[in-house]
N, C-alpha and C. Protein backbone atom coordinates (compact mmCIF):
# COMPACT_ATOMS: atom_id res chain seq x y z
N MET A 1 0.84 -1.22 0.04
CA MET A 1 0.15 -0.30 0.23
C MET A 1 0.97 1.04 -0.36
N ALA A 2 0.63 2.31 -1.57
CA ALA A 2 1.61 3.31 -1.06
C ALA A 2 0.76 4.71 -0.39
N ILE A 3 1.40 5.31 -0.19
CA ILE A 3 0.45 6.37 0.58
C ILE A 3 1.17 8.21 -0.13
N GLY A 4 0.66 8.84 0.80
CA GLY A 4 0.86 10.56 0.17
C GLY A 4 -0.01 10.94 1.07
N THR A 5 0.58 12.54 1.14
CA THR A 5 0.05 13.63 1.23
C THR A 5 0.63 14.81 0.46
N GLU A 6 -0.78 15.92 0.53
CA GLU A 6 -0.86 16.59 -0.56
C GLU A 6 0.59 17.69 -0.60
N THR A 7 1.35 17.76 -1.70
CA THR A 7 2.41 18.44 -1.57
C THR A 7 2.06 19.96 -1.88
N ASP A 8 3.27 20.64 -1.00
CA ASP A 8 3.92 22.25 -1.70
C ASP A 8 4.31 21.98 -3.17
N PRO A 9 3.73 22.69 -3.57
CA PRO A 9 3.89 22.84 -5.07
C PRO A 9 5.51 23.57 -5.20
N ALA A 10 5.83 23.91 -4.43
CA ALA A 10 7.49 24.90 -4.13
C ALA A 10 8.25 23.24 -4.44
N ASP A 11 7.68 22.11 -4.01
CA ASP A 11 8.23 20.86 -3.90
C ASP A 11 8.49 20.13 -5.60
N ASN A 12 7.36 20.84 -6.81
CA ASN A 12 7.26 20.21 -7.86
C ASN A 12 8.91 19.84 -8.10
N GLY A 13 9.72 20.58 -8.21
CA GLY A 13 11.28 20.64 -8.85
C GLY A 13 11.48 18.94 -7.94
N LYS A 14 11.56 18.85 -6.87
CA LYS A 14 11.87 17.34 -5.76
C LYS A 14 11.23 16.46 -6.71
N ILE A 15 9.67 16.57 -7.32
CA ILE A 15 8.92 15.61 -7.24
C ILE A 15 9.26 15.11 -8.74
N GLU A 16 9.75 16.42 -9.48
CA GLU A 16 10.13 15.58 -11.18
C GLU A 16 11.44 15.02 -11.24
N ALA A 17 12.22 15.40 -10.49
CA ALA A 17 13.31 14.45 -10.88
C ALA A 17 13.40 13.44 -10.08
N LEU A 18 12.23 12.81 -9.03
CA LEU A 18 12.39 11.93 -8.54
C LEU A 18 11.65 10.61 -9.61
N LEU A 19 10.44 11.64 -9.86
CA LEU A 19 9.97 11.24 -11.38
C LEU A 19 10.97 10.58 -13.01
N LYS A 20 12.12 11.35 -13.07
CA LYS A 20 12.87 10.65 -13.61
C LYS A 20 13.65 9.83 -13.43
N ASP A 21 13.95 9.27 -12.06
CA ASP A 21 14.74 8.60 -11.28
C ASP A 21 14.06 7.18 -11.49
N ILE A 22 12.80 7.74 -11.24
CA ILE A 22 12.22 6.25 -11.29
C ILE A 22 12.02 5.90 -12.80
N GLU A 23 11.89 7.04 -13.87
CA GLU A 23 11.82 6.48 -15.28
C GLU A 23 13.46 5.67 -15.34
N ASP A 24 14.65 5.53 -15.16
CA ASP A 24 15.26 5.28 -15.50
C ASP A 24 15.33 4.25 -14.71
N LEU A 25 15.21 3.44 -13.87
CA LEU A 25 14.80 2.41 -12.99
C LEU A 25 14.44 1.24 -13.32
N ASP A 26 15.00 -0.10 -13.06
CA ASP A 26 14.88 -1.84 -14.40
C ASP A 26 14.37 -2.29 -12.66
N LEU A 27 12.88 -2.61 -13.31
CA LEU A 27 11.99 -2.83 -12.37
C LEU A 27 12.52 -4.28 -12.37
N GLN A 28 13.57 -4.76 -12.76
CA GLN A 28 14.47 -5.89 -12.30
C GLN A 28 15.09 -6.21 -11.02
N ASP A 29 15.26 -4.88 -11.00
CA ASP A 29 16.59 -4.65 -9.73
C ASP A 29 16.13 -3.87 -8.39
N ILE A 30 14.55 -4.05 -8.61
CA ILE A 30 13.94 -3.96 -6.61
C ILE A 30 13.97 -4.95 -6.20
N ASP A 31 14.36 -5.23 -5.05
CA ASP A 31 13.69 -6.18 -4.32
C ASP A 31 12.44 -6.12 -3.48
N ALA A 32 11.74 -6.76 -3.90
CA ALA A 32 10.53 -7.13 -3.08
C ALA A 32 10.50 -6.45 -1.37
N ASP A 33 10.79 -7.14 -0.83
CA ASP A 33 11.50 -7.68 0.60
C ASP A 33 11.14 -6.09 0.92
N SER A 34 12.71 -6.03 0.43
CA SER A 34 12.85 -4.54 0.61
C SER A 34 11.79 -3.19 0.35
N LEU A 35 10.93 -3.59 -1.03
CA LEU A 35 9.47 -2.68 -0.70
C LEU A 35 8.72 -2.91 0.19
N ARG A 36 8.49 -3.92 0.35
CA ARG A 36 7.38 -3.98 1.33
C ARG A 36 7.69 -3.19 2.96
N GLU A 37 8.57 -3.10 3.31
CA GLU A 37 9.90 -2.93 4.51
C GLU A 37 8.95 -1.71 4.63
N TRP A 38 10.14 -1.34 3.27
CA TRP A 38 10.11 0.27 3.43
C TRP A 38 8.33 0.89 3.08
N GLU A 39 7.49 0.10 2.66
CA GLU A 39 6.36 0.66 2.84
C GLU A 39 5.60 0.34 3.99
N PHE A 40 5.47 -0.56 4.84
CA PHE A 40 5.36 -0.72 5.87
C PHE A 40 6.04 0.35 6.68
N GLU A 41 7.19 0.56 6.86
CA GLU A 41 7.56 2.04 7.37
C GLU A 41 7.24 3.51 7.05
N GLN A 42 6.71 3.92 5.77
CA GLN A 42 6.32 5.23 5.76
C GLN A 42 4.91 4.65 6.17
N ILE A 43 4.22 4.04 5.94
CA ILE A 43 2.53 3.96 7.17
C ILE A 43 2.69 3.93 8.24
N ARG A 44 3.43 3.09 9.23
CA ARG A 44 3.82 3.86 10.88
C ARG A 44 4.11 5.41 10.42
N SER A 45 4.49 5.39 9.60
CA SER A 45 5.48 6.63 10.08
C SER A 45 3.63 7.99 10.34
N VAL A 46 3.18 7.72 8.70
CA VAL A 46 2.03 8.52 8.33
C VAL A 46 0.47 8.30 9.56
N LEU A 47 0.60 7.22 10.03
CA LEU A 47 -0.28 6.32 11.08
C LEU A 47 0.10 6.77 12.65
N ASP A 48 1.45 7.37 12.71
CA ASP A 48 1.92 7.92 14.16
C ASP A 48 2.04 9.27 13.83
N ASP A 49 1.73 10.07 12.45
CA ASP A 49 1.16 11.05 12.35
C ASP A 49 0.03 12.15 12.78
N LEU A 50 -0.70 10.76 12.59
CA LEU A 50 -1.99 10.85 12.64
C LEU A 50 -2.75 11.01 14.31
N ALA A 51 -1.49 10.26 15.24
CA ALA A 51 -1.84 9.66 16.40
C ALA A 51 -2.63 11.13 17.02
N GLY A 52 -3.94 11.66 17.83
CA GLY A 52 -3.77 12.77 18.32
C GLY A 52 -4.97 13.75 17.52
N LYS A 53 -4.71 13.82 16.52
CA LYS A 53 -5.90 14.61 15.79
C LYS A 53 -6.77 14.42 15.00
N THR A 54 -7.79 15.13 15.30
CA THR A 54 -9.39 14.65 14.26
C THR A 54 -9.52 14.30 13.46
N ILE A 55 -10.11 12.88 12.88
CA ILE A 55 -10.86 13.08 11.30
C ILE A 55 -11.67 13.71 10.90
N ARG A 56 -11.58 14.40 9.89
CA ARG A 56 -13.06 15.12 9.31
C ARG A 56 -13.36 14.01 8.37
N SER A 57 -12.73 13.84 8.07
CA SER A 57 -13.58 12.63 7.06
C SER A 57 -12.05 11.80 6.02
N ALA A 58 -13.33 10.72 6.11
CA ALA A 58 -12.44 9.14 5.17
C ALA A 58 -13.21 8.99 4.27
N THR A 59 -12.72 9.09 3.30
CA THR A 59 -13.44 8.70 1.69
C THR A 59 -13.05 7.38 1.43
N LEU A 60 -13.23 6.66 0.43
CA LEU A 60 -12.91 5.29 0.01
C LEU A 60 -13.56 5.84 -1.50
N GLU A 61 -12.04 5.59 -2.28
CA GLU A 61 -12.19 6.11 -3.41
C GLU A 61 -11.94 4.36 -4.44
N ASP A 62 -12.40 4.19 -5.67
CA ASP A 62 -11.82 3.09 -6.73
C ASP A 62 -10.47 2.38 -6.05
N THR A 63 -10.00 3.94 -5.97
CA THR A 63 -8.16 3.14 -6.07
C THR A 63 -7.00 3.75 -4.58
N ARG A 64 -7.71 4.71 -4.12
CA ARG A 64 -7.45 4.87 -2.93
C ARG A 64 -8.23 5.31 -1.90
N ILE A 65 -7.88 5.51 -0.24
CA ILE A 65 -8.30 5.86 0.76
C ILE A 65 -8.16 6.96 0.72
N VAL A 66 -9.06 8.42 1.58
CA VAL A 66 -8.80 9.84 1.48
C VAL A 66 -9.31 9.71 2.70
N ILE A 67 -8.68 10.54 3.43
CA ILE A 67 -8.52 11.09 5.00
C ILE A 67 -7.74 12.55 5.26
N GLU A 68 -8.84 13.04 5.83
CA GLU A 68 -8.81 14.42 5.97
C GLU A 68 -8.76 14.44 7.42
N THR A 69 -7.78 15.72 8.12
CA THR A 69 -7.86 15.38 9.03
C THR A 69 -8.60 17.24 9.23
N GLY A 70 -8.77 17.69 10.65
CA GLY A 70 -9.12 18.80 11.20
C GLY A 70 -8.77 19.88 10.71
N ASP A 71 -7.29 19.50 11.16
CA ASP A 71 -6.10 20.62 10.16
C ASP A 71 -6.20 20.85 9.01
N GLY A 72 -7.16 20.11 7.66
CA GLY A 72 -6.72 20.47 6.66
C GLY A 72 -6.54 19.45 5.79
N ASN A 73 -5.49 18.42 6.66
CA ASN A 73 -4.58 17.60 5.80
C ASN A 73 -4.66 16.55 5.45
N ARG A 74 -4.82 16.17 4.34
CA ARG A 74 -5.25 14.53 3.51
C ARG A 74 -3.88 13.97 3.02
N TYR A 75 -4.67 12.64 3.80
CA TYR A 75 -3.30 11.92 3.46
C TYR A 75 -4.17 10.72 2.27
N PHE A 76 -3.23 10.46 1.14
CA PHE A 76 -3.58 8.92 0.45
C PHE A 76 -3.06 7.78 0.85
N PHE A 77 -3.83 7.00 1.03
CA PHE A 77 -3.80 5.73 1.12
C PHE A 77 -4.03 4.40 -0.06
N PHE A 78 -2.98 4.23 -0.70
CA PHE A 78 -2.99 3.49 -2.29
C PHE A 78 -2.67 2.33 -2.10
N GLY A 79 -2.91 1.07 -2.57
CA GLY A 79 -2.98 -0.40 -2.89
C GLY A 79 -3.90 -0.95 -3.39
N TYR A 80 -3.74 -2.23 -3.17
CA TYR A 80 -4.81 -3.26 -3.54
C TYR A 80 -5.82 -3.51 -2.41
N MET A 81 -7.10 -3.07 -2.57
CA MET A 81 -8.28 -2.69 -1.82
C MET A 81 -9.20 -3.81 -2.12
N GLY A 82 -8.73 -5.19 -3.11
CA GLY A 82 -9.49 -6.05 -2.41
C GLY A 82 -11.03 -6.05 -2.82
N GLY A 83 -11.49 -6.85 -3.71
CA GLY A 83 -12.88 -8.22 -3.55
C GLY A 83 -13.25 -8.52 -3.96
N GLY A 84 -13.99 -9.43 -3.12
CA GLY A 84 -14.64 -10.69 -3.05
C GLY A 84 -14.79 -11.13 -4.53
N GLY A 85 -14.29 -12.08 -5.05
CA GLY A 85 -14.53 -12.36 -6.29
C GLY A 85 -15.01 -13.53 -5.90
N GLY A 86 -16.36 -13.94 -6.97
CA GLY A 86 -16.19 -15.72 -6.63
C GLY A 86 -17.62 -16.05 -6.95
């Protein structure tokens, strides 16, 4: 599950550089276990940041969950949300 928050427009240069790095990445070189561990730590960090905050809204969309806190911050959780097939 990937996560994110809204970014400051001043960060656009950093985002563009990151996207360039991702374009140059060979997916064969990614260690799946390391990626899962990194994602887990990122989710833990966001959840720790939410401790003590008031949730204003939580929305389940097709590809993500959006949580908005009382201070106006929005947090995005992406990933396979599954569905019973059968």
